[in-house]
Structures are given as C-alpha cells and as structure tokens.
Amino acid sequence: MTGSRSTFTPEFRLEAAQLVVDQGYTVKGAAATMGVGKSTMDKWVRQLKNKRNGVTSNATPLTPDQRKIGELEKRIKGIEMEEEILKKATVDSTCQCNTLL
C-alpha cells in the first residue's frame, strides 16, 4: 500500500495552529476543520508555542527573515524589561535622594 504524503505551506501550518492557540479550538476540532491528522495538528501547535516562547528546533532551518524577526523580538523583550526596571526605579526613588552626600 502506498500513500501520498501531503505537504502544507508554512502559512497553512501557522493558520491551522493559530486556531488552537489563539482562537480556542481543540486540537481535534482544528484538525478536522483544516483536514489534517490530529498528530500533525499537535505537532504544529507545539511548534507554534515553542516559537512564541523563543524555543526553536534545530531540525528546522530558519530563513534570514525568520532569524531577523527573532532577533528583533528578543530586542523588543529586552527593551521592555529595561523600561520596566526604569519605571520601578523611578517609583522607588521618588521618596529617596539619589545623590551622594
């Protein structure tokens, strides 16, 4: 018995995984809606969650655009953390003197 293996575009995979992650579908429901197997949908959802958490698979090479997006997302997170630290420092120092005596 031979079977043909379907290939799906990255955009299709992302859209399918977003049904579960962003729109509240169950994996089974999203798989049925998109016409793919449950295990395939599980894999795509796991990959999307890992990507959003900054975890990338060594098996999947990143395109230059994906790499640049990842770098920019890391920079944004770093800047947001710095901003939060500065906000806290400003609040903490409103009642304290920041000069050396």
N, C-alpha and C. Protein backbone atom coordinates (compact mmCIF):
# COMPACT_ATOMS: atom_id res chain seq x y z
N MET A 1 0.85 -1.18 0.00
CA MET A 1 0.00 0.00 0.00
C MET A 1 0.89 1.24 0.00
N THR A 2 0.68 2.11 -0.93
CA THR A 2 1.44 3.35 -0.98
C THR A 2 0.50 4.51 -0.75
N GLY A 3 1.00 5.48 -0.04
CA GLY A 3 0.19 6.65 0.23
C GLY A 3 0.96 7.89 -0.17
N SER A 4 0.25 8.90 -0.59
CA SER A 4 0.93 10.15 -0.93
C SER A 4 0.95 11.03 0.31
N ARG A 5 2.07 11.63 0.50
CA ARG A 5 2.23 12.48 1.67
C ARG A 5 1.93 13.92 1.27
N SER A 6 1.05 14.56 1.99
CA SER A 6 0.69 15.94 1.69
C SER A 6 1.75 16.88 2.25
N THR A 7 2.02 17.94 1.52
CA THR A 7 2.89 18.98 2.05
C THR A 7 2.06 20.24 2.17
N PHE A 8 2.26 20.93 3.27
CA PHE A 8 1.49 22.12 3.55
C PHE A 8 2.44 23.31 3.63
N THR A 9 1.97 24.45 3.18
CA THR A 9 2.80 25.65 3.22
C THR A 9 2.97 26.10 4.67
N PRO A 10 4.04 26.82 4.96
CA PRO A 10 4.21 27.36 6.32
C PRO A 10 3.04 28.24 6.74
N GLU A 11 2.47 28.97 5.80
CA GLU A 11 1.33 29.83 6.12
C GLU A 11 0.12 29.00 6.55
N PHE A 12 -0.11 27.89 5.85
CA PHE A 12 -1.22 27.00 6.19
C PHE A 12 -1.01 26.42 7.59
N ARG A 13 0.20 25.97 7.86
CA ARG A 13 0.52 25.39 9.18
C ARG A 13 0.30 26.41 10.29
N LEU A 14 0.76 27.64 10.05
CA LEU A 14 0.59 28.69 11.05
C LEU A 14 -0.88 28.98 11.29
N GLU A 15 -1.64 29.11 10.21
CA GLU A 15 -3.07 29.39 10.33
C GLU A 15 -3.78 28.27 11.11
N ALA A 16 -3.41 27.04 10.80
CA ALA A 16 -4.03 25.90 11.48
C ALA A 16 -3.70 25.90 12.96
N ALA A 17 -2.44 26.12 13.30
CA ALA A 17 -2.02 26.12 14.71
C ALA A 17 -2.65 27.28 15.47
N GLN A 18 -2.82 28.41 14.80
CA GLN A 18 -3.43 29.57 15.46
C GLN A 18 -4.88 29.32 15.84
N LEU A 19 -5.55 28.43 15.14
CA LEU A 19 -6.92 28.07 15.53
C LEU A 19 -6.94 27.56 16.96
N VAL A 20 -5.96 26.75 17.31
CA VAL A 20 -5.89 26.17 18.65
C VAL A 20 -5.35 27.19 19.64
N VAL A 21 -4.21 27.79 19.31
CA VAL A 21 -3.51 28.66 20.26
C VAL A 21 -4.25 29.97 20.50
N ASP A 22 -4.75 30.58 19.44
CA ASP A 22 -5.34 31.92 19.56
C ASP A 22 -6.86 31.95 19.58
N GLN A 23 -7.50 30.94 18.97
CA GLN A 23 -8.95 31.02 18.82
C GLN A 23 -9.71 30.01 19.65
N GLY A 24 -9.01 29.21 20.45
CA GLY A 24 -9.69 28.33 21.38
C GLY A 24 -10.23 27.03 20.83
N TYR A 25 -9.88 26.67 19.61
CA TYR A 25 -10.29 25.37 19.08
C TYR A 25 -9.58 24.26 19.83
N THR A 26 -10.19 23.09 19.87
CA THR A 26 -9.47 21.92 20.35
C THR A 26 -8.57 21.44 19.21
N VAL A 27 -7.56 20.67 19.57
CA VAL A 27 -6.67 20.13 18.54
C VAL A 27 -7.47 19.26 17.57
N LYS A 28 -8.34 18.45 18.13
CA LYS A 28 -9.16 17.56 17.30
C LYS A 28 -10.07 18.36 16.37
N GLY A 29 -10.70 19.39 16.91
CA GLY A 29 -11.60 20.22 16.11
C GLY A 29 -10.88 20.98 15.01
N ALA A 30 -9.72 21.55 15.35
CA ALA A 30 -8.94 22.28 14.35
C ALA A 30 -8.43 21.34 13.26
N ALA A 31 -8.01 20.14 13.67
CA ALA A 31 -7.53 19.15 12.70
C ALA A 31 -8.64 18.78 11.72
N ALA A 32 -9.83 18.57 12.24
CA ALA A 32 -10.96 18.23 11.38
C ALA A 32 -11.31 19.39 10.45
N THR A 33 -11.31 20.60 10.99
CA THR A 33 -11.63 21.79 10.20
C THR A 33 -10.64 21.99 9.06
N MET A 34 -9.37 21.76 9.35
CA MET A 34 -8.32 22.01 8.35
C MET A 34 -8.02 20.78 7.49
N GLY A 35 -8.61 19.65 7.83
CA GLY A 35 -8.41 18.45 7.02
C GLY A 35 -7.05 17.80 7.18
N VAL A 36 -6.52 17.84 8.40
CA VAL A 36 -5.23 17.20 8.68
C VAL A 36 -5.40 16.25 9.85
N GLY A 37 -4.42 15.42 10.07
CA GLY A 37 -4.47 14.48 11.18
C GLY A 37 -4.24 15.15 12.51
N LYS A 38 -4.76 14.53 13.57
CA LYS A 38 -4.62 15.09 14.91
C LYS A 38 -3.15 15.18 15.32
N SER A 39 -2.36 14.16 15.03
CA SER A 39 -0.95 14.20 15.43
C SER A 39 -0.19 15.30 14.68
N THR A 40 -0.58 15.54 13.44
CA THR A 40 0.03 16.63 12.68
C THR A 40 -0.31 17.97 13.31
N MET A 41 -1.58 18.13 13.68
CA MET A 41 -2.01 19.38 14.32
C MET A 41 -1.31 19.55 15.66
N ASP A 42 -1.18 18.47 16.43
CA ASP A 42 -0.45 18.54 17.70
C ASP A 42 0.96 19.08 17.48
N LYS A 43 1.62 18.57 16.47
CA LYS A 43 3.00 18.98 16.18
C LYS A 43 3.06 20.46 15.82
N TRP A 44 2.14 20.92 14.96
CA TRP A 44 2.14 22.32 14.55
C TRP A 44 1.86 23.25 15.73
N VAL A 45 0.94 22.85 16.60
CA VAL A 45 0.61 23.66 17.78
C VAL A 45 1.83 23.73 18.70
N ARG A 46 2.48 22.60 18.93
CA ARG A 46 3.68 22.57 19.77
C ARG A 46 4.77 23.47 19.19
N GLN A 47 4.96 23.40 17.87
CA GLN A 47 5.97 24.23 17.22
C GLN A 47 5.65 25.72 17.37
N LEU A 48 4.38 26.09 17.21
CA LEU A 48 3.99 27.49 17.35
C LEU A 48 4.22 27.98 18.78
N LYS A 49 3.81 27.17 19.76
CA LYS A 49 4.02 27.56 21.15
C LYS A 49 5.50 27.71 21.46
N ASN A 50 6.31 26.78 20.97
CA ASN A 50 7.76 26.86 21.19
C ASN A 50 8.34 28.11 20.54
N LYS A 51 7.88 28.40 19.34
CA LYS A 51 8.38 29.58 18.63
C LYS A 51 8.04 30.85 19.41
N ARG A 52 6.83 30.92 19.91
CA ARG A 52 6.40 32.11 20.66
C ARG A 52 7.15 32.24 21.99
N ASN A 53 7.61 31.11 22.51
CA ASN A 53 8.38 31.14 23.76
C ASN A 53 9.88 31.24 23.51
N GLY A 54 10.26 31.43 22.26
CA GLY A 54 11.66 31.60 21.93
C GLY A 54 12.44 30.32 21.77
N VAL A 55 11.76 29.18 21.70
CA VAL A 55 12.42 27.90 21.53
C VAL A 55 12.30 27.51 20.06
N THR A 56 13.44 27.24 19.42
CA THR A 56 13.40 26.81 18.03
C THR A 56 13.99 25.42 17.91
N SER A 57 13.52 24.69 16.96
CA SER A 57 14.00 23.34 16.71
C SER A 57 15.26 23.39 15.87
N ASN A 58 16.25 22.58 16.22
CA ASN A 58 17.48 22.51 15.43
C ASN A 58 17.23 21.86 14.08
N ALA A 59 16.17 21.10 13.96
CA ALA A 59 15.89 20.39 12.72
C ALA A 59 15.32 21.31 11.64
N THR A 60 14.74 22.43 12.03
CA THR A 60 14.12 23.33 11.08
C THR A 60 15.01 24.55 10.87
N PRO A 61 15.65 24.66 9.70
CA PRO A 61 16.49 25.83 9.47
C PRO A 61 15.63 27.08 9.32
N LEU A 62 16.10 28.17 9.88
CA LEU A 62 15.37 29.42 9.80
C LEU A 62 15.80 30.19 8.57
N THR A 63 14.84 30.85 7.95
CA THR A 63 15.16 31.72 6.83
C THR A 63 15.78 32.99 7.40
N PRO A 64 16.48 33.76 6.58
CA PRO A 64 17.05 35.02 7.08
C PRO A 64 15.98 35.95 7.67
N ASP A 65 14.80 35.98 7.05
CA ASP A 65 13.73 36.82 7.58
C ASP A 65 13.27 36.33 8.95
N GLN A 66 13.13 35.02 9.11
CA GLN A 66 12.72 34.47 10.41
C GLN A 66 13.77 34.76 11.47
N ARG A 67 15.04 34.64 11.09
CA ARG A 67 16.13 34.92 12.02
C ARG A 67 16.09 36.39 12.46
N LYS A 68 15.88 37.29 11.50
CA LYS A 68 15.82 38.73 11.79
C LYS A 68 14.63 39.04 12.69
N ILE A 69 13.49 38.43 12.41
CA ILE A 69 12.30 38.63 13.25
C ILE A 69 12.59 38.17 14.67
N GLY A 70 13.22 37.02 14.81
CA GLY A 70 13.57 36.51 16.14
C GLY A 70 14.49 37.45 16.89
N GLU A 71 15.50 37.99 16.18
CA GLU A 71 16.42 38.93 16.80
C GLU A 71 15.68 40.19 17.25
N LEU A 72 14.80 40.69 16.40
CA LEU A 72 14.05 41.90 16.74
C LEU A 72 13.11 41.66 17.91
N GLU A 73 12.48 40.48 17.95
CA GLU A 73 11.60 40.16 19.08
C GLU A 73 12.39 40.10 20.38
N LYS A 74 13.60 39.54 20.33
CA LYS A 74 14.45 39.50 21.53
C LYS A 74 14.83 40.90 21.97
N ARG A 75 15.15 41.77 21.00
CA ARG A 75 15.50 43.16 21.35
C ARG A 75 14.31 43.87 21.98
N ILE A 76 13.13 43.64 21.43
CA ILE A 76 11.92 44.27 21.99
C ILE A 76 11.71 43.82 23.43
N LYS A 77 11.84 42.50 23.67
CA LYS A 77 11.68 41.99 25.04
C LYS A 77 12.69 42.62 25.98
N GLY A 78 13.94 42.75 25.51
CA GLY A 78 14.98 43.36 26.34
C GLY A 78 14.67 44.80 26.66
N ILE A 79 14.23 45.55 25.66
CA ILE A 79 13.89 46.96 25.86
C ILE A 79 12.70 47.08 26.81
N GLU A 80 11.70 46.20 26.66
CA GLU A 80 10.55 46.24 27.56
C GLU A 80 10.97 45.94 28.99
N MET A 81 11.91 45.00 29.17
CA MET A 81 12.39 44.70 30.52
C MET A 81 13.14 45.90 31.10
N GLU A 82 13.98 46.54 30.29
CA GLU A 82 14.70 47.73 30.75
C GLU A 82 13.72 48.83 31.15
N GLU A 83 12.70 49.02 30.33
CA GLU A 83 11.70 50.04 30.62
C GLU A 83 11.01 49.76 31.96
N GLU A 84 10.67 48.49 32.18
CA GLU A 84 10.01 48.10 33.43
C GLU A 84 10.92 48.36 34.63
N ILE A 85 12.20 48.04 34.48
CA ILE A 85 13.16 48.28 35.55
C ILE A 85 13.26 49.77 35.84
N LEU A 86 13.34 50.58 34.79
CA LEU A 86 13.44 52.03 34.98
C LEU A 86 12.18 52.60 35.62
N LYS A 87 11.02 52.08 35.24
CA LYS A 87 9.77 52.54 35.87
C LYS A 87 9.79 52.24 37.36
N LYS A 88 10.21 51.02 37.72
CA LYS A 88 10.27 50.65 39.13
C LYS A 88 11.29 51.49 39.87
N ALA A 89 12.42 51.76 39.24
CA ALA A 89 13.45 52.58 39.88
C ALA A 89 12.95 53.99 40.11
N THR A 90 12.19 54.52 39.17
CA THR A 90 11.64 55.86 39.31
C THR A 90 10.64 55.91 40.45
N VAL A 91 9.78 54.92 40.54
CA VAL A 91 8.80 54.86 41.62
C VAL A 91 9.50 54.69 42.96
N ASP A 92 10.49 53.82 43.02
CA ASP A 92 11.20 53.57 44.26
C ASP A 92 11.98 54.79 44.73
N SER A 93 12.45 55.61 43.81
CA SER A 93 13.31 56.72 44.20
C SER A 93 12.56 58.02 44.41
N THR A 94 11.25 58.04 44.26
CA THR A 94 10.52 59.29 44.42
C THR A 94 10.60 59.82 45.84
N CYS A 95 10.77 58.93 46.80
CA CYS A 95 10.86 59.36 48.19
C CYS A 95 12.28 59.30 48.72
N GLN A 96 13.22 59.01 47.86
CA GLN A 96 14.60 58.88 48.30
C GLN A 96 15.49 59.82 47.51
N CYS A 97 16.59 60.19 48.10
CA CYS A 97 17.56 61.04 47.43
C CYS A 97 18.52 60.16 46.64
N ASN A 98 18.74 60.47 45.38
CA ASN A 98 19.62 59.69 44.53
C ASN A 98 21.02 60.27 44.44
N THR A 99 21.33 61.30 45.21
CA THR A 99 22.65 61.91 45.14
C THR A 99 23.50 61.42 46.29
N LEU A 100 24.80 61.39 46.06
CA LEU A 100 25.73 61.00 47.11
C LEU A 100 26.00 62.20 48.00
N LEU A 101 26.09 61.99 49.28
CA LEU A 101 26.36 63.08 50.22
C LEU A 101 27.79 63.10 50.62
